[in-house]
Protein backbone atom coordinates (compact mmCIF):
# COMPACT_ATOMS: atom_id res chain seq x y z
CA MET A 1 2.22 7.82 38.57
CA ALA A 2 4.96 8.69 36.06
CA TYR A 3 6.32 12.24 36.31
CA GLU A 4 4.14 12.99 39.34
CA SER A 5 6.58 15.54 40.75
CA GLU A 6 6.88 17.35 37.41
CA LEU A 7 3.11 17.55 36.99
CA LYS A 8 2.78 18.81 40.55
CA LYS A 9 5.29 21.55 39.79
CA VAL A 10 3.24 22.60 36.74
CA LYS A 11 0.06 22.66 38.85
CA ILE A 12 1.79 24.86 41.40
CA ALA A 13 2.69 27.27 38.58
CA VAL A 14 -0.96 27.28 37.47
CA SER A 15 -2.15 27.94 41.03
CA ARG A 16 0.26 30.89 41.30
CA LEU A 17 -1.24 32.32 38.11
CA ILE A 18 -4.74 31.91 39.56
CA ARG A 19 -3.66 33.75 42.68
CA ASP A 20 -1.61 36.52 41.07
CA GLU A 21 -2.73 36.81 37.43
CA ALA A 22 -6.43 36.00 37.14
CA PHE A 23 -6.58 36.30 33.36
CA PHE A 24 -3.88 33.70 32.77
CA GLY A 25 -4.94 31.49 35.66
CA LEU A 26 -8.56 31.22 34.58
CA LEU A 27 -7.52 30.32 31.04
CA ALA A 28 -4.90 27.86 32.24
CA VAL A 29 -7.43 25.75 34.16
CA GLN A 30 -9.69 25.41 31.11
CA LYS A 31 -7.34 22.87 29.48
CA GLU A 32 -5.61 19.69 30.59
CA HIS A 33 -1.93 19.87 31.55
CA ILE A 34 0.18 16.79 30.83
CA ILE A 35 3.81 15.72 31.00
CA ASP A 36 5.12 14.63 27.61
CA ASN A 37 8.70 13.46 27.11
CA THR A 38 8.32 13.15 23.33
CA LYS A 39 8.79 16.87 22.67
CA GLY A 40 11.64 19.13 23.66
CA THR A 41 10.17 21.83 25.88
CA ALA A 42 6.43 22.56 25.82
CA TRP A 43 3.51 22.60 23.41
CA THR A 44 -0.18 23.26 23.01
CA ASP A 45 -2.73 22.22 20.40
CA GLY A 46 -5.69 24.17 21.76
CA THR A 47 -7.00 21.29 23.87
CA ARG A 48 -4.01 20.48 26.10
CA TYR A 49 -0.74 21.86 27.37
CA GLY A 50 2.25 19.50 27.23
CA TYR A 51 5.57 19.87 29.07
CA ASN A 52 8.83 18.00 28.78
CA PRO A 53 9.72 16.65 32.27
CA GLU A 54 13.43 17.49 32.06
CA PHE A 55 12.63 21.01 30.89
CA VAL A 56 10.15 21.49 33.75
CA ASN A 57 12.78 20.40 36.26
CA SER A 58 15.34 22.77 34.75
CA LEU A 59 13.24 25.89 35.25
CA PRO A 60 12.91 27.97 38.40
CA MET A 61 9.28 28.57 39.34
CA PRO A 62 9.06 32.17 37.97
CA GLN A 63 10.19 30.98 34.53
CA LEU A 64 7.82 28.00 34.61
CA ILE A 65 4.96 30.38 35.43
CA GLY A 66 6.02 32.48 32.44
CA LEU A 67 6.11 29.38 30.24
CA VAL A 68 2.56 28.42 31.23
CA ALA A 69 1.40 31.98 30.54
CA HIS A 70 3.12 31.84 27.16
CA GLU A 71 1.29 28.67 26.14
CA VAL A 72 -1.99 30.12 27.44
CA LEU A 73 -1.65 33.13 25.12
CA HIS A 74 -1.04 30.88 22.12
CA ASN A 75 -4.49 29.43 22.80
CA ALA A 76 -6.17 32.70 23.73
CA TRP A 77 -4.99 34.32 20.49
CA LEU A 78 -6.13 31.27 18.48
CA HIS A 79 -2.70 30.52 17.02
CA HIS A 80 -3.53 26.79 16.87
CA LEU A 81 -6.47 27.61 14.59
CA ARG A 82 -4.64 30.11 12.39
CA ILE A 83 -1.80 28.06 10.95
CA GLY A 84 -3.80 26.91 7.94
CA GLU A 85 -1.70 26.67 4.80
CA ARG A 86 0.99 28.97 6.18
CA ASN A 87 4.50 27.96 7.21
CA PRO A 88 4.04 26.40 10.70
CA GLU A 89 7.53 27.43 11.83
CA LEU A 90 6.96 31.06 10.88
CA VAL A 91 3.56 31.06 12.58
CA ASN A 92 5.18 29.76 15.78
CA ILE A 93 7.98 32.31 15.63
CA ALA A 94 5.61 35.20 14.86
CA GLY A 95 3.36 34.15 17.74
CA ASP A 96 6.34 33.93 20.08
CA TYR A 97 7.52 37.43 19.24
CA CYS A 98 4.05 38.86 19.97
CA ILE A 99 3.51 36.86 23.14
CA ASN A 100 6.96 37.31 24.66
CA PHE A 101 6.89 41.07 24.15
CA GLU A 102 3.61 41.39 26.04
CA LEU A 103 4.61 38.98 28.82
CA ILE A 104 7.93 40.71 29.45
CA LYS A 105 6.22 44.09 29.47
CA ALA A 106 3.74 42.67 32.00
CA GLY A 107 6.59 41.59 34.29
CA PHE A 108 6.74 37.85 33.60
CA LYS A 109 10.01 35.90 33.70
CA LEU A 110 10.57 33.64 30.68
CA PRO A 111 12.99 30.79 30.01
CA PRO A 112 16.27 31.95 28.46
CA GLY A 113 16.71 31.53 24.73
CA GLY A 114 13.26 32.72 23.74
CA LEU A 115 12.45 35.07 20.88
CA TYR A 116 12.20 38.79 21.56
CA LYS A 117 12.56 41.90 19.43
CA LYS A 118 11.37 45.15 20.95
CA GLU A 119 10.72 46.68 17.53
CA LEU A 120 8.07 44.00 16.84
CA GLY A 121 6.15 44.87 20.00
CA GLY A 122 2.52 45.78 19.55
CA LYS A 123 2.23 44.18 16.12
CA THR A 124 -0.25 41.41 15.36
CA MET A 125 0.88 37.89 14.59
CA ASP A 126 -0.11 38.38 10.95
CA GLU A 127 2.01 41.52 10.71
CA VAL A 128 5.03 39.80 12.26
CA TYR A 129 4.48 36.76 10.03
CA ALA A 130 4.67 38.99 6.94
CA ILE A 131 7.94 40.50 8.19
CA LEU A 132 9.40 37.05 8.82
CA GLU A 133 8.40 35.88 5.35
CA GLN A 134 10.37 38.79 3.91
CA VAL A 135 13.38 38.06 6.14
CA LYS A 136 13.30 34.39 5.15
CA ALA A 137 13.06 35.23 1.45
CA GLU A 138 16.03 37.61 1.69
CA GLN A 139 18.11 35.02 3.54
CA GLU A 140 17.35 32.36 0.96
CA LYS A 141 18.11 34.78 -1.86
CA ASP A 142 21.50 35.55 -0.33
CA GLY A 143 22.13 31.82 -0.10
CA LYS A 144 24.04 32.11 3.14
CA SER A 145 23.32 32.37 6.83
CA GLY A 146 25.52 35.33 7.60
CA LYS A 147 29.15 36.07 8.23
CA SER A 148 31.06 34.95 11.27
CA GLY A 149 32.13 37.82 13.48
CA LYS A 150 32.58 39.19 16.94
CA ASP A 151 28.91 39.05 17.71
CA GLY A 152 29.05 35.29 17.48
CA LYS A 153 26.77 34.81 14.49
CA SER A 154 27.37 31.54 12.73
CA GLY A 155 29.38 31.62 9.53
CA LYS A 156 29.09 29.50 6.41
CA ASP A 157 30.60 26.47 8.07
CA GLY A 158 28.24 26.70 11.04
CA LYS A 159 31.07 27.16 13.57
CA SER A 160 30.36 29.17 16.64
CA GLY A 161 31.52 32.71 17.26
CA LYS A 162 32.93 34.17 20.43
CA ASP A 163 29.78 33.98 22.49
CA GLY A 164 29.56 30.22 22.08
CA LYS A 165 26.39 29.97 20.04
CA ASP A 166 25.56 26.71 18.37
CA GLY A 167 28.40 25.26 16.36
CA LYS A 168 28.73 22.68 13.65
CA ASP A 169 27.80 19.74 15.88
CA GLY A 170 24.66 21.49 17.09
CA LYS A 171 25.92 21.67 20.68
CA SER A 172 25.95 24.92 22.52
CA GLY A 173 29.14 26.63 23.52
CA LYS A 174 30.08 28.07 26.85
CA SER A 175 27.20 30.46 27.15
CA GLY A 176 24.93 28.95 24.51
CA GLU A 177 21.77 30.38 23.00
CA ASN A 178 19.59 28.89 25.72
CA GLN A 179 21.68 30.58 28.40
CA ARG A 180 21.27 34.15 27.19
CA SER A 181 18.61 36.43 28.62
CA ILE A 182 15.56 36.63 26.41
CA THR A 183 15.81 40.44 26.34
CA ASP A 184 19.43 40.47 25.09
CA PRO A 185 19.76 41.97 21.59
CA GLN A 186 18.87 39.39 18.95
CA GLU A 187 19.14 39.09 15.21
CA TYR A 188 16.34 37.46 13.26
CA PRO A 189 16.52 33.64 13.22
CA ASP A 190 18.61 32.00 10.53
CA PHE A 191 15.92 30.35 8.44
CA THR A 192 18.50 28.66 6.22
CA ASP A 193 19.74 26.53 9.13
CA LYS A 194 17.35 23.56 9.09
CA LYS A 195 18.94 22.02 12.19
CA LYS A 196 17.81 24.74 14.55
CA THR A 197 14.36 25.52 15.94
CA PRO A 198 14.34 29.20 16.92
CA GLY A 199 12.65 30.09 20.17
CA LYS A 200 12.11 26.47 21.22
CA SER A 201 12.61 27.35 24.90
CA CYS A 202 9.02 28.60 24.98
CA GLY A 203 7.62 25.55 23.23
CA VAL A 204 5.55 25.21 20.09
CA VAL A 205 1.93 25.56 19.07
CA LEU A 206 0.54 22.64 17.08
CA PRO A 207 -2.33 22.70 14.58
CA ALA A 208 -5.68 21.88 16.18
CA LYS A 209 -7.09 18.42 15.46
CA ASN A 210 -10.36 16.68 16.26
CA LYS A 211 -10.84 13.57 18.41
CA GLU A 212 -9.98 11.35 15.44
CA GLY A 213 -6.64 13.13 15.05
CA LYS A 214 -7.69 14.79 11.78
CA PRO A 215 -7.47 18.49 10.89
CA LEU A 216 -10.52 20.45 11.98
CA SER A 217 -13.27 21.18 9.49
CA GLU A 218 -14.33 24.80 9.05
CA ALA A 219 -17.35 24.17 11.27
CA GLU A 220 -15.14 22.59 13.97
CA LYS A 221 -12.70 25.50 13.75
CA LYS A 222 -15.53 27.98 14.21
CA ALA A 223 -16.90 26.08 17.20
CA ALA A 224 -13.43 25.93 18.78
CA GLU A 225 -12.91 29.64 18.13
CA ASN A 226 -16.22 30.55 19.74
CA GLU A 227 -15.49 28.39 22.78
CA THR A 228 -12.09 30.03 23.22
CA LYS A 229 -13.54 33.54 22.89
CA ILE A 230 -16.10 32.76 25.58
CA GLN A 231 -13.35 31.55 27.90
CA VAL A 232 -11.29 34.66 27.17
CA GLN A 233 -14.29 36.86 27.97
CA GLN A 234 -14.68 35.12 31.32
CA ALA A 235 -11.01 35.59 32.11
CA VAL A 236 -11.10 39.27 31.12
CA THR A 237 -14.06 39.91 33.42
CA ALA A 238 -12.36 38.29 36.40
CA SER A 239 -9.07 40.01 35.72
CA ASN A 240 -10.62 43.45 35.34
CA LYS A 241 -12.39 43.11 38.67
CA ALA A 242 -9.04 42.35 40.28
CA GLY A 243 -7.38 45.19 38.34
CA LYS A 244 -4.80 42.78 36.97
CA LEU A 245 -5.14 42.75 33.18
CA PRO A 246 -2.04 44.26 31.53
CA ALA A 247 -2.79 46.98 28.98
CA GLY A 248 -1.08 45.15 26.14
CA ILE A 249 -3.04 41.99 26.80
CA GLN A 250 -6.27 44.01 26.99
CA ARG A 251 -5.54 45.52 23.59
CA MET A 252 -4.91 42.13 22.02
CA VAL A 253 -8.06 40.74 23.60
CA ASP A 254 -10.06 43.68 22.27
CA GLU A 255 -8.82 42.83 18.79
CA LEU A 256 -9.81 39.20 19.28
CA ILE A 257 -13.22 39.83 20.78
CA ASN A 258 -15.30 42.79 19.70
CA PRO A 259 -18.54 42.44 21.64
CA VAL A 260 -21.47 43.24 19.42
CA MET A 261 -23.51 44.57 22.31
CA ASN A 262 -22.79 46.09 25.69
CA TRP A 263 -25.05 43.97 27.84
CA ALA A 264 -24.42 45.99 30.98
CA GLU A 265 -25.82 49.03 29.20
CA LEU A 266 -28.66 47.29 27.35
CA LEU A 267 -29.99 45.48 30.41
CA GLN A 268 -29.61 48.50 32.67
CA LYS A 269 -33.09 49.71 31.76
CA PHE A 270 -34.55 46.36 32.85
CA MET A 271 -32.67 45.95 36.11
CA SER A 272 -32.39 48.53 38.89
CA ASP A 273 -31.09 46.39 41.75
CA CYS A 274 -27.63 45.50 40.40
CA SER A 275 -24.82 45.50 42.95
CA MET A 276 -21.06 45.78 42.55
CA ASN A 277 -19.21 42.61 41.60
CA ASP A 278 -17.22 40.93 44.33
CA TYR A 279 -15.56 37.58 45.06
CA THR A 280 -16.91 34.89 47.37
CA TYR A 281 -15.56 31.65 48.76
CA SER A 282 -19.06 30.40 49.60
CA ARG A 283 -19.29 29.02 46.08
CA PRO A 284 -15.75 28.13 44.95
CA ASP A 285 -15.06 27.95 41.23
CA ARG A 286 -15.55 24.30 40.29
CA ARG A 287 -12.99 24.34 37.45
CA MET A 288 -10.25 25.47 39.82
CA MET A 289 -11.26 22.91 42.43
CA GLU A 290 -10.40 20.24 39.86
CA MET A 291 -6.85 21.59 39.95
CA GLY A 292 -6.81 21.19 43.75
CA VAL A 293 -7.11 24.95 44.23
CA ILE A 294 -9.85 26.64 46.28
CA SER A 295 -10.56 29.89 44.46
CA PRO A 296 -13.44 32.36 44.80
CA SER A 297 -16.11 32.81 42.17
CA ILE A 298 -17.49 36.16 41.09
CA THR A 299 -20.75 37.35 42.57
CA GLY A 300 -22.75 40.54 42.29
CA ASP A 301 -24.65 42.34 39.52
CA ASN A 302 -27.43 40.01 40.58
CA LEU A 303 -30.16 39.93 37.97
CA GLY A 304 -32.08 37.11 39.62
CA GLU A 305 -33.99 35.23 36.93
CA ILE A 306 -34.57 36.18 33.32
CA VAL A 307 -36.10 34.33 30.41
CA VAL A 308 -34.25 34.05 27.11
CA VAL A 309 -36.26 32.86 24.13
CA VAL A 310 -34.28 31.55 21.17
CA ASP A 311 -36.12 31.56 17.86
CA THR A 312 -35.45 28.14 16.30
CA SER A 313 -37.77 28.51 13.34
CA GLY A 314 -36.68 27.42 9.89
CA SER A 315 -35.49 30.94 9.03
CA ILE A 316 -32.79 30.85 11.73
CA GLY A 317 -29.56 29.20 10.54
CA GLN A 318 -26.33 28.08 12.21
CA LYS A 319 -24.75 31.51 11.76
CA GLU A 320 -27.50 33.17 13.77
CA LEU A 321 -27.52 30.43 16.42
CA THR A 322 -23.76 30.81 16.88
CA LYS A 323 -24.21 34.55 17.42
CA PHE A 324 -27.05 33.90 19.87
CA ALA A 325 -24.77 31.59 21.86
CA THR A 326 -22.00 34.20 21.99
CA GLU A 327 -24.28 36.96 23.25
CA LEU A 328 -26.06 34.72 25.75
CA SER A 329 -22.67 33.63 27.08
CA SER A 330 -21.85 37.30 27.58
CA ILE A 331 -24.91 37.70 29.80
CA LEU A 332 -24.02 34.65 31.86
CA ASP A 333 -20.44 35.84 32.16
CA GLN A 334 -21.15 39.42 33.22
CA PHE A 335 -24.00 38.88 35.64
CA THR A 336 -25.05 36.61 38.47
CA VAL A 337 -28.22 35.37 36.84
CA THR A 338 -30.34 32.30 36.29
CA VAL A 339 -31.40 32.09 32.66
CA HIS A 340 -34.49 30.12 31.73
CA LEU A 341 -33.70 29.28 28.12
CA LEU A 342 -36.60 28.42 25.84
CA TYR A 343 -36.26 27.08 22.29
CA VAL A 344 -39.37 28.19 20.44
CA ASP A 345 -40.74 27.91 16.92
CA THR A 346 -44.56 27.64 17.07
CA ILE A 347 -44.33 25.89 20.47
CA VAL A 348 -41.80 25.66 23.29
CA ALA A 349 -39.74 22.87 21.78
CA GLY A 350 -37.03 22.79 24.46
CA TYR A 351 -36.12 24.20 27.87
CA GLU A 352 -32.90 24.58 29.89
CA GLU A 353 -31.97 26.36 33.11
CA LEU A 354 -28.53 27.97 32.88
CA THR A 355 -26.02 29.76 35.13
CA ASN A 356 -22.42 30.81 34.55
CA ASN A 357 -21.35 27.34 35.68
CA ASP A 358 -22.65 26.11 32.31
CA LEU A 359 -20.09 28.11 30.34
CA PRO A 360 -18.74 27.66 27.72
CA LEU A 361 -22.17 27.53 26.16
CA GLN A 362 -23.28 25.67 23.07
CA LEU A 363 -26.87 25.92 21.95
CA GLU A 364 -28.62 22.70 21.04
CA PRO A 365 -31.74 24.01 19.29
CA LYS A 366 -35.01 22.13 19.17
CA GLY A 367 -37.77 22.89 16.72
CA GLY A 368 -37.64 24.25 13.19
CA GLY A 369 -41.15 25.22 12.16
CA GLY A 370 -42.70 28.69 11.84
CA THR A 371 -42.42 31.46 14.43
CA SER A 372 -45.06 32.17 17.05
CA PHE A 373 -44.31 33.19 20.63
CA GLU A 374 -47.85 32.68 21.94
CA SER A 375 -46.75 29.56 23.84
CA VAL A 376 -44.15 31.39 25.95
CA GLN A 377 -46.43 32.93 28.60
CA PRO A 378 -48.49 29.77 29.23
CA PHE A 379 -45.25 27.78 29.57
CA LEU A 380 -43.81 30.20 32.16
CA GLU A 381 -47.04 30.14 34.16
CA GLU A 382 -47.12 26.34 34.10
CA LYS A 383 -43.52 26.17 35.35
CA GLY A 384 -44.02 28.90 37.95
CA ILE A 385 -41.25 31.01 36.44
CA CYS A 386 -41.43 34.71 37.41
CA PRO A 387 -38.60 36.48 35.55
CA LYS A 388 -37.47 40.08 35.83
CA ALA A 389 -37.31 40.39 32.05
CA ILE A 390 -37.79 38.43 28.83
CA LEU A 391 -35.20 38.58 26.08
CA TYR A 392 -35.90 37.26 22.57
CA PHE A 393 -33.22 36.30 20.03
CA THR A 394 -35.05 36.29 16.72
CA ASP A 395 -35.19 37.41 13.10
CA MET A 396 -38.43 39.24 14.04
CA TYR A 397 -40.57 37.44 11.48
CA VAL A 398 -43.01 36.44 14.20
CA TYR A 399 -46.56 35.37 13.40
CA ARG A 400 -47.91 35.99 16.92
CA TRP A 401 -46.27 37.48 20.02
CA GLY A 402 -48.96 36.49 22.50
CA ASP A 403 -50.20 38.62 25.37
CA GLU A 404 -48.14 41.40 26.93
CA PRO A 405 -46.30 40.11 30.02
CA ASP A 406 -45.91 42.01 33.31
CA VAL A 407 -42.16 42.41 32.82
CA PRO A 408 -40.02 44.32 30.29
CA VAL A 409 -39.42 42.63 26.93
CA MET A 410 -36.46 43.14 24.63
CA ALA A 411 -36.06 41.56 21.20
CA ILE A 412 -32.60 41.23 19.65
CA SER A 413 -33.07 41.08 15.89
CA VAL A 414 -30.57 39.62 13.42
CA SER A 415 -32.53 41.30 10.62
CA PRO A 416 -31.90 44.99 9.82
CA GLU A 417 -35.56 45.36 8.89
CA TRP A 418 -38.55 43.70 10.50
CA PRO A 419 -42.35 43.75 10.68
CA GLU A 420 -43.68 46.10 13.33
CA PRO A 421 -43.88 44.26 16.68
CA PRO A 422 -46.23 45.13 19.56
CA GLU A 423 -45.37 48.44 21.20
CA TRP A 424 -44.29 46.69 24.40
CA VAL A 425 -41.39 44.99 22.58
CA ASP A 426 -38.14 47.00 22.63
CA VAL A 427 -36.17 45.97 19.51
CA LYS A 428 -32.38 46.17 19.10
CA TYR A 429 -30.53 45.20 15.93
CA MET A 430 -27.56 42.83 16.13
CA ASP A 431 -25.40 42.36 13.04
CA ALA A 432 -24.89 38.58 12.79
């Protein structure tokens, strides 16, 4: 196998992240890692992580771990989906500034030559992008890249200064840009120098494409975004249990994912036998086993079995179904639970049994007629399903609810107003 030793080194870096930094490790194993000698350092397009073999060999393990974490955050913060019509180089640079600041603050070691400005710390990628656009415009207006001086900035002729930064031939001097520490004082990149790629030591993020190699449609982008958010939620849960999620990363995640509902609080009234979360090796995480790593899965908060009924009547569109999938994934992520998922319009049109091993979740609705839940109870009795609770995702325009079950019932409504349901149905509104 070509580049076997380099790929093994990358996998070791991933396994160290799993062991020491659960958030990054869990996200790292969600995507394929490959060795690619066609690009200079590293890259990601949202589906894979690519690494140049020579670059991998040049890095000590702590810096390679930092590089993997860097690429992981590009994906977690959806940079591959947010390039759009913007300048790809500026998007990459803005993303690097945000990511590197948080990683360094969290104690990671990064390859030398990366982009870092302390004054940009805590800003969003969009905010940094706007600053870079202004810097670029000012540089182009001046029509020059800066004056040569003691600090080694390149002059008009591109020759290197005293510190040996890139000269006219593009080769580095004695110290070279890629030899400096990433936290050394830096000026903004020279955007007028088309021969240089600022921050390339931490790789690049590429626009997401579909299996045919074409740019994603809006629907494909939304699906990819939802899948990534689900994976990030899983990683946050695991990391919080281990007490390992850096504050800066938590803040950025909070901005990315704003849970509509606090499931732990909403389901508390239904479940009284929840236990504290813990880790177990009796059921190793199957995704990590594929990486050759035996890692524990999360157990606890055991809800047993619940029934989730998804309204697939004609009044429920893709927007609502996407929201249903996000919230159901939150349940599967936060609790040890078996979910009996029913797709219902006027009949039970589809059935699935789900656990957290089925994440990331994508609903495949069946049905499309009117809305009547009368068929739910007979179906559960026929299947011998005895849940602790029944949860309905619906617009609440239900013709018949059927008989009252022996367990609590909650209905999550995507409509701000609804016809009065039976008194045994506890209704909560969810803004879709």
